[in-house]
Amino acid sequence: MNCSQVVSNLPKIADDDVIKGRASRHLSTCIRCQAELAQYRGLIRMMKKIEANDLHLNNENLIRTLELIEETVHRDQLNETKKNLAIGFAGVAIIFLSISAAVVSKVLPKIIRKTANI
C-alpha cells in the first residue's frame, strides 16, 4: 500500500481501533501518513465532541473545519505534483546519460586511436 492509497482509505482506516494488513505495514514506516491519520482522527474526535455536546457549529468552527479539509486536499495534490516532477526529471536524466554514454562509446575509441598515433 502506498501513501495515496492510505490517504484515500483514511475514513475506513481511522474508524478501526486496530489497523491491520498492508495499511498497518505502511503506517508503521511512513511518518507523513501517520500525521495524516492523526489529523483525520482529531477531526473525527472534534466532530463527535460537538455532536455529543449537542452544540451547533458556529462560523469559526465551520471555517476551521473547511480549512483543514482544504489543506489536506491541497497537500495531497502538491505531493502528487512533486512526485510527477521527480519522475520526469529522473526520465530526462536517464535519457541524457544514455545519450552521453552512446556519444562517449563512439567518440572515445577515435580519440584513443588518434592519441596512440601521435
N, C-alpha and C. Protein backbone atom coordinates (compact mmCIF):
# COMPACT_ATOMS: atom_id res chain seq x y z
N MET A 1 0.86 -1.17 0.00
CA MET A 1 0.00 0.00 0.00
C MET A 1 0.90 1.23 0.00
N ASN A 2 0.54 2.25 -0.78
CA ASN A 2 1.33 3.47 -0.83
C ASN A 2 0.56 4.63 -0.18
N CYS A 3 1.19 5.80 -0.16
CA CYS A 3 0.60 6.96 0.52
C CYS A 3 -0.77 7.34 -0.04
N SER A 4 -0.90 7.38 -1.35
CA SER A 4 -2.19 7.80 -1.92
C SER A 4 -3.30 6.81 -1.59
N GLN A 5 -2.97 5.52 -1.51
CA GLN A 5 -3.97 4.53 -1.14
C GLN A 5 -4.38 4.69 0.33
N VAL A 6 -3.41 4.95 1.19
CA VAL A 6 -3.72 5.16 2.61
C VAL A 6 -4.60 6.39 2.77
N VAL A 7 -4.22 7.49 2.11
CA VAL A 7 -4.98 8.73 2.24
C VAL A 7 -6.40 8.54 1.73
N SER A 8 -6.56 7.84 0.61
CA SER A 8 -7.91 7.64 0.08
C SER A 8 -8.75 6.71 0.95
N ASN A 9 -8.09 5.88 1.77
CA ASN A 9 -8.81 4.97 2.66
C ASN A 9 -8.86 5.45 4.10
N LEU A 10 -8.47 6.70 4.35
CA LEU A 10 -8.46 7.22 5.73
C LEU A 10 -9.79 7.07 6.45
N PRO A 11 -10.93 7.32 5.81
CA PRO A 11 -12.19 7.16 6.56
C PRO A 11 -12.35 5.75 7.12
N LYS A 12 -12.01 4.74 6.35
CA LYS A 12 -12.15 3.36 6.80
C LYS A 12 -11.06 3.02 7.83
N ILE A 13 -9.83 3.46 7.56
CA ILE A 13 -8.70 3.16 8.45
C ILE A 13 -8.88 3.85 9.80
N ALA A 14 -9.33 5.11 9.79
CA ALA A 14 -9.44 5.89 11.03
C ALA A 14 -10.48 5.32 11.97
N ASP A 15 -11.50 4.66 11.44
CA ASP A 15 -12.54 4.09 12.29
C ASP A 15 -12.09 2.82 13.01
N ASP A 16 -11.07 2.16 12.48
CA ASP A 16 -10.60 0.92 13.08
C ASP A 16 -9.73 1.22 14.30
N ASP A 17 -10.02 0.53 15.41
CA ASP A 17 -9.18 0.68 16.59
C ASP A 17 -7.81 0.04 16.35
N VAL A 18 -7.81 -1.10 15.67
CA VAL A 18 -6.57 -1.80 15.34
C VAL A 18 -6.45 -1.84 13.82
N ILE A 19 -5.41 -1.22 13.31
CA ILE A 19 -5.20 -1.19 11.86
C ILE A 19 -4.45 -2.46 11.47
N LYS A 20 -4.93 -3.10 10.42
CA LYS A 20 -4.38 -4.40 10.04
C LYS A 20 -3.85 -4.38 8.62
N GLY A 21 -3.10 -5.41 8.29
CA GLY A 21 -2.68 -5.68 6.93
C GLY A 21 -1.71 -4.67 6.35
N ARG A 22 -1.90 -4.42 5.04
CA ARG A 22 -0.99 -3.56 4.30
C ARG A 22 -0.98 -2.13 4.84
N ALA A 23 -2.14 -1.67 5.27
CA ALA A 23 -2.20 -0.31 5.82
C ALA A 23 -1.35 -0.20 7.08
N SER A 24 -1.39 -1.23 7.90
CA SER A 24 -0.60 -1.25 9.13
C SER A 24 0.90 -1.22 8.81
N ARG A 25 1.30 -2.02 7.83
CA ARG A 25 2.72 -2.06 7.45
C ARG A 25 3.17 -0.71 6.92
N HIS A 26 2.34 -0.09 6.08
CA HIS A 26 2.72 1.21 5.52
C HIS A 26 2.79 2.27 6.62
N LEU A 27 1.78 2.30 7.46
CA LEU A 27 1.75 3.31 8.53
C LEU A 27 2.88 3.14 9.53
N SER A 28 3.40 1.94 9.67
CA SER A 28 4.49 1.72 10.63
C SER A 28 5.79 2.39 10.17
N THR A 29 5.89 2.70 8.87
CA THR A 29 7.13 3.29 8.36
C THR A 29 6.96 4.69 7.77
N CYS A 30 5.73 5.13 7.55
CA CYS A 30 5.51 6.40 6.86
C CYS A 30 5.01 7.48 7.83
N ILE A 31 5.88 8.40 8.15
CA ILE A 31 5.55 9.46 9.10
C ILE A 31 4.47 10.38 8.54
N ARG A 32 4.53 10.63 7.23
CA ARG A 32 3.53 11.51 6.61
C ARG A 32 2.12 10.94 6.79
N CYS A 33 1.97 9.64 6.52
CA CYS A 33 0.65 9.03 6.64
C CYS A 33 0.22 8.92 8.11
N GLN A 34 1.18 8.73 9.00
CA GLN A 34 0.86 8.73 10.43
C GLN A 34 0.28 10.08 10.83
N ALA A 35 0.89 11.15 10.33
CA ALA A 35 0.40 12.51 10.64
C ALA A 35 -0.98 12.73 10.03
N GLU A 36 -1.18 12.27 8.79
CA GLU A 36 -2.49 12.41 8.15
C GLU A 36 -3.56 11.68 8.96
N LEU A 37 -3.24 10.45 9.41
CA LEU A 37 -4.18 9.67 10.20
C LEU A 37 -4.49 10.36 11.52
N ALA A 38 -3.47 10.88 12.18
CA ALA A 38 -3.68 11.59 13.45
C ALA A 38 -4.55 12.82 13.26
N GLN A 39 -4.30 13.56 12.18
CA GLN A 39 -5.10 14.75 11.91
C GLN A 39 -6.54 14.36 11.59
N TYR A 40 -6.72 13.31 10.83
CA TYR A 40 -8.07 12.86 10.47
C TYR A 40 -8.82 12.38 11.71
N ARG A 41 -8.14 11.61 12.56
CA ARG A 41 -8.78 11.14 13.79
C ARG A 41 -9.11 12.31 14.71
N GLY A 42 -8.24 13.32 14.74
CA GLY A 42 -8.53 14.51 15.54
C GLY A 42 -9.77 15.23 15.05
N LEU A 43 -9.93 15.29 13.75
CA LEU A 43 -11.11 15.92 13.16
C LEU A 43 -12.37 15.13 13.53
N ILE A 44 -12.27 13.80 13.48
CA ILE A 44 -13.41 12.95 13.87
C ILE A 44 -13.76 13.16 15.34
N ARG A 45 -12.72 13.20 16.21
CA ARG A 45 -12.97 13.43 17.64
C ARG A 45 -13.66 14.76 17.87
N MET A 46 -13.18 15.79 17.15
CA MET A 46 -13.78 17.11 17.30
C MET A 46 -15.25 17.09 16.88
N MET A 47 -15.54 16.41 15.79
CA MET A 47 -16.92 16.35 15.31
C MET A 47 -17.80 15.55 16.27
N LYS A 48 -17.27 14.46 16.82
CA LYS A 48 -18.04 13.67 17.79
C LYS A 48 -18.28 14.47 19.07
N LYS A 49 -17.29 15.24 19.48
CA LYS A 49 -17.44 16.07 20.68
C LYS A 49 -18.54 17.10 20.47
N ILE A 50 -18.54 17.71 19.32
CA ILE A 50 -19.58 18.70 19.00
C ILE A 50 -20.94 18.02 19.01
N GLU A 51 -20.99 16.84 18.39
CA GLU A 51 -22.25 16.09 18.32
C GLU A 51 -22.69 15.63 19.71
N ALA A 52 -21.74 15.14 20.52
CA ALA A 52 -22.07 14.63 21.85
C ALA A 52 -22.57 15.74 22.77
N ASN A 53 -22.03 16.91 22.63
CA ASN A 53 -22.44 18.03 23.47
C ASN A 53 -23.64 18.77 22.91
N ASP A 54 -24.15 18.27 21.80
CA ASP A 54 -25.30 18.86 21.14
C ASP A 54 -25.08 20.35 20.87
N LEU A 55 -23.84 20.65 20.44
CA LEU A 55 -23.51 22.03 20.09
C LEU A 55 -23.71 22.21 18.60
N HIS A 56 -23.97 23.41 18.23
CA HIS A 56 -24.11 23.72 16.82
C HIS A 56 -22.80 24.33 16.33
N LEU A 57 -22.46 24.01 15.11
CA LEU A 57 -21.25 24.59 14.54
C LEU A 57 -21.45 26.10 14.37
N ASN A 58 -20.54 26.86 14.93
CA ASN A 58 -20.58 28.29 14.66
C ASN A 58 -19.70 28.56 13.44
N ASN A 59 -19.71 29.75 12.96
CA ASN A 59 -18.96 30.07 11.74
C ASN A 59 -17.47 29.79 11.90
N GLU A 60 -16.90 30.09 13.05
CA GLU A 60 -15.46 29.89 13.27
C GLU A 60 -15.09 28.41 13.16
N ASN A 61 -15.84 27.54 13.82
CA ASN A 61 -15.56 26.11 13.76
C ASN A 61 -15.76 25.55 12.35
N LEU A 62 -16.81 26.02 11.69
CA LEU A 62 -17.08 25.56 10.34
C LEU A 62 -15.96 25.99 9.39
N ILE A 63 -15.53 27.22 9.51
CA ILE A 63 -14.45 27.73 8.66
C ILE A 63 -13.17 26.95 8.92
N ARG A 64 -12.84 26.70 10.19
CA ARG A 64 -11.61 25.94 10.52
C ARG A 64 -11.69 24.52 9.97
N THR A 65 -12.85 23.89 10.08
CA THR A 65 -13.03 22.53 9.55
C THR A 65 -12.82 22.52 8.04
N LEU A 66 -13.41 23.47 7.36
CA LEU A 66 -13.24 23.56 5.91
C LEU A 66 -11.79 23.85 5.52
N GLU A 67 -11.11 24.68 6.32
CA GLU A 67 -9.69 24.97 6.06
C GLU A 67 -8.85 23.71 6.19
N LEU A 68 -9.11 22.89 7.23
CA LEU A 68 -8.37 21.63 7.41
C LEU A 68 -8.58 20.69 6.23
N ILE A 69 -9.80 20.61 5.77
CA ILE A 69 -10.10 19.75 4.62
C ILE A 69 -9.36 20.27 3.38
N GLU A 70 -9.41 21.57 3.17
CA GLU A 70 -8.76 22.17 2.00
C GLU A 70 -7.24 21.98 2.07
N GLU A 71 -6.64 22.16 3.27
CA GLU A 71 -5.20 21.96 3.43
C GLU A 71 -4.81 20.53 3.08
N THR A 72 -5.61 19.58 3.54
CA THR A 72 -5.31 18.17 3.28
C THR A 72 -5.37 17.87 1.79
N VAL A 73 -6.40 18.35 1.12
CA VAL A 73 -6.54 18.12 -0.32
C VAL A 73 -5.40 18.80 -1.07
N HIS A 74 -5.08 20.04 -0.69
CA HIS A 74 -4.00 20.77 -1.36
C HIS A 74 -2.67 20.07 -1.17
N ARG A 75 -2.39 19.60 0.04
CA ARG A 75 -1.13 18.92 0.34
C ARG A 75 -1.01 17.64 -0.50
N ASP A 76 -2.10 16.90 -0.63
CA ASP A 76 -2.08 15.68 -1.44
C ASP A 76 -1.80 16.00 -2.90
N GLN A 77 -2.44 17.06 -3.42
CA GLN A 77 -2.22 17.44 -4.81
C GLN A 77 -0.79 17.91 -5.02
N LEU A 78 -0.26 18.67 -4.06
CA LEU A 78 1.10 19.17 -4.15
C LEU A 78 2.09 18.02 -4.12
N ASN A 79 1.88 17.06 -3.23
CA ASN A 79 2.78 15.91 -3.15
C ASN A 79 2.73 15.08 -4.43
N GLU A 80 1.56 14.94 -5.03
CA GLU A 80 1.43 14.20 -6.29
C GLU A 80 2.18 14.93 -7.40
N THR A 81 2.09 16.26 -7.43
CA THR A 81 2.81 17.06 -8.42
C THR A 81 4.31 16.91 -8.25
N LYS A 82 4.78 16.98 -7.00
CA LYS A 82 6.21 16.81 -6.73
C LYS A 82 6.69 15.44 -7.19
N LYS A 83 5.90 14.41 -6.92
CA LYS A 83 6.27 13.05 -7.32
C LYS A 83 6.36 12.96 -8.84
N ASN A 84 5.39 13.54 -9.54
CA ASN A 84 5.40 13.51 -11.00
C ASN A 84 6.60 14.26 -11.58
N LEU A 85 6.95 15.41 -10.97
CA LEU A 85 8.11 16.16 -11.42
C LEU A 85 9.39 15.35 -11.21
N ALA A 86 9.50 14.69 -10.06
CA ALA A 86 10.68 13.87 -9.78
C ALA A 86 10.82 12.75 -10.80
N ILE A 87 9.71 12.12 -11.13
CA ILE A 87 9.74 11.04 -12.13
C ILE A 87 10.16 11.61 -13.49
N GLY A 88 9.64 12.78 -13.84
CA GLY A 88 10.01 13.42 -15.11
C GLY A 88 11.48 13.76 -15.17
N PHE A 89 12.01 14.35 -14.08
CA PHE A 89 13.43 14.68 -14.05
C PHE A 89 14.30 13.44 -14.12
N ALA A 90 13.87 12.37 -13.44
CA ALA A 90 14.62 11.12 -13.49
C ALA A 90 14.65 10.58 -14.92
N GLY A 91 13.52 10.67 -15.62
CA GLY A 91 13.46 10.22 -17.01
C GLY A 91 14.39 11.02 -17.90
N VAL A 92 14.40 12.34 -17.72
CA VAL A 92 15.29 13.20 -18.50
C VAL A 92 16.75 12.84 -18.20
N ALA A 93 17.07 12.61 -16.93
CA ALA A 93 18.44 12.25 -16.55
C ALA A 93 18.86 10.94 -17.19
N ILE A 94 17.96 9.97 -17.21
CA ILE A 94 18.28 8.67 -17.82
C ILE A 94 18.52 8.84 -19.32
N ILE A 95 17.69 9.62 -19.98
CA ILE A 95 17.87 9.87 -21.42
C ILE A 95 19.21 10.57 -21.66
N PHE A 96 19.51 11.58 -20.87
CA PHE A 96 20.76 12.32 -21.01
C PHE A 96 21.95 11.39 -20.82
N LEU A 97 21.91 10.56 -19.78
CA LEU A 97 23.02 9.64 -19.53
C LEU A 97 23.16 8.61 -20.65
N SER A 98 22.04 8.15 -21.18
CA SER A 98 22.09 7.19 -22.29
C SER A 98 22.72 7.82 -23.52
N ILE A 99 22.32 9.04 -23.84
CA ILE A 99 22.90 9.74 -24.99
C ILE A 99 24.38 9.99 -24.76
N SER A 100 24.73 10.42 -23.56
CA SER A 100 26.13 10.67 -23.23
C SER A 100 26.96 9.40 -23.36
N ALA A 101 26.44 8.29 -22.87
CA ALA A 101 27.16 7.02 -22.97
C ALA A 101 27.33 6.61 -24.43
N ALA A 102 26.30 6.82 -25.25
CA ALA A 102 26.39 6.47 -26.67
C ALA A 102 27.44 7.33 -27.37
N VAL A 103 27.45 8.63 -27.06
CA VAL A 103 28.43 9.52 -27.67
C VAL A 103 29.83 9.14 -27.24
N VAL A 104 30.02 8.91 -25.97
CA VAL A 104 31.34 8.54 -25.46
C VAL A 104 31.80 7.22 -26.08
N SER A 105 30.90 6.26 -26.21
CA SER A 105 31.31 4.97 -26.78
C SER A 105 31.70 5.09 -28.25
N LYS A 106 31.18 6.08 -28.97
CA LYS A 106 31.54 6.30 -30.37
C LYS A 106 32.79 7.16 -30.49
N VAL A 107 32.91 8.19 -29.65
CA VAL A 107 33.99 9.17 -29.78
C VAL A 107 35.26 8.71 -29.09
N LEU A 108 35.15 8.09 -27.95
CA LEU A 108 36.33 7.72 -27.15
C LEU A 108 37.29 6.81 -27.92
N PRO A 109 36.83 5.79 -28.61
CA PRO A 109 37.79 4.97 -29.36
C PRO A 109 38.56 5.78 -30.41
N LYS A 110 37.90 6.74 -31.06
CA LYS A 110 38.58 7.58 -32.06
C LYS A 110 39.65 8.43 -31.40
N ILE A 111 39.34 8.98 -30.24
CA ILE A 111 40.32 9.80 -29.51
C ILE A 111 41.50 8.95 -29.10
N ILE A 112 41.24 7.75 -28.63
CA ILE A 112 42.31 6.86 -28.19
C ILE A 112 43.20 6.50 -29.38
N ARG A 113 42.62 6.21 -30.55
CA ARG A 113 43.41 5.89 -31.73
C ARG A 113 44.25 7.07 -32.18
N LYS A 114 43.67 8.27 -32.15
CA LYS A 114 44.44 9.45 -32.55
C LYS A 114 45.59 9.69 -31.59
N THR A 115 45.31 9.51 -30.30
CA THR A 115 46.36 9.71 -29.28
C THR A 115 47.44 8.67 -29.44
N ALA A 116 47.09 7.45 -29.76
CA ALA A 116 48.08 6.37 -29.93
C ALA A 116 48.94 6.61 -31.15
N ASN A 117 48.40 7.26 -32.18
CA ASN A 117 49.16 7.53 -33.41
C ASN A 117 50.11 8.70 -33.27
N ILE A 118 49.95 9.50 -32.25
CA ILE A 118 50.79 10.69 -32.09
C ILE A 118 52.18 10.36 -31.65
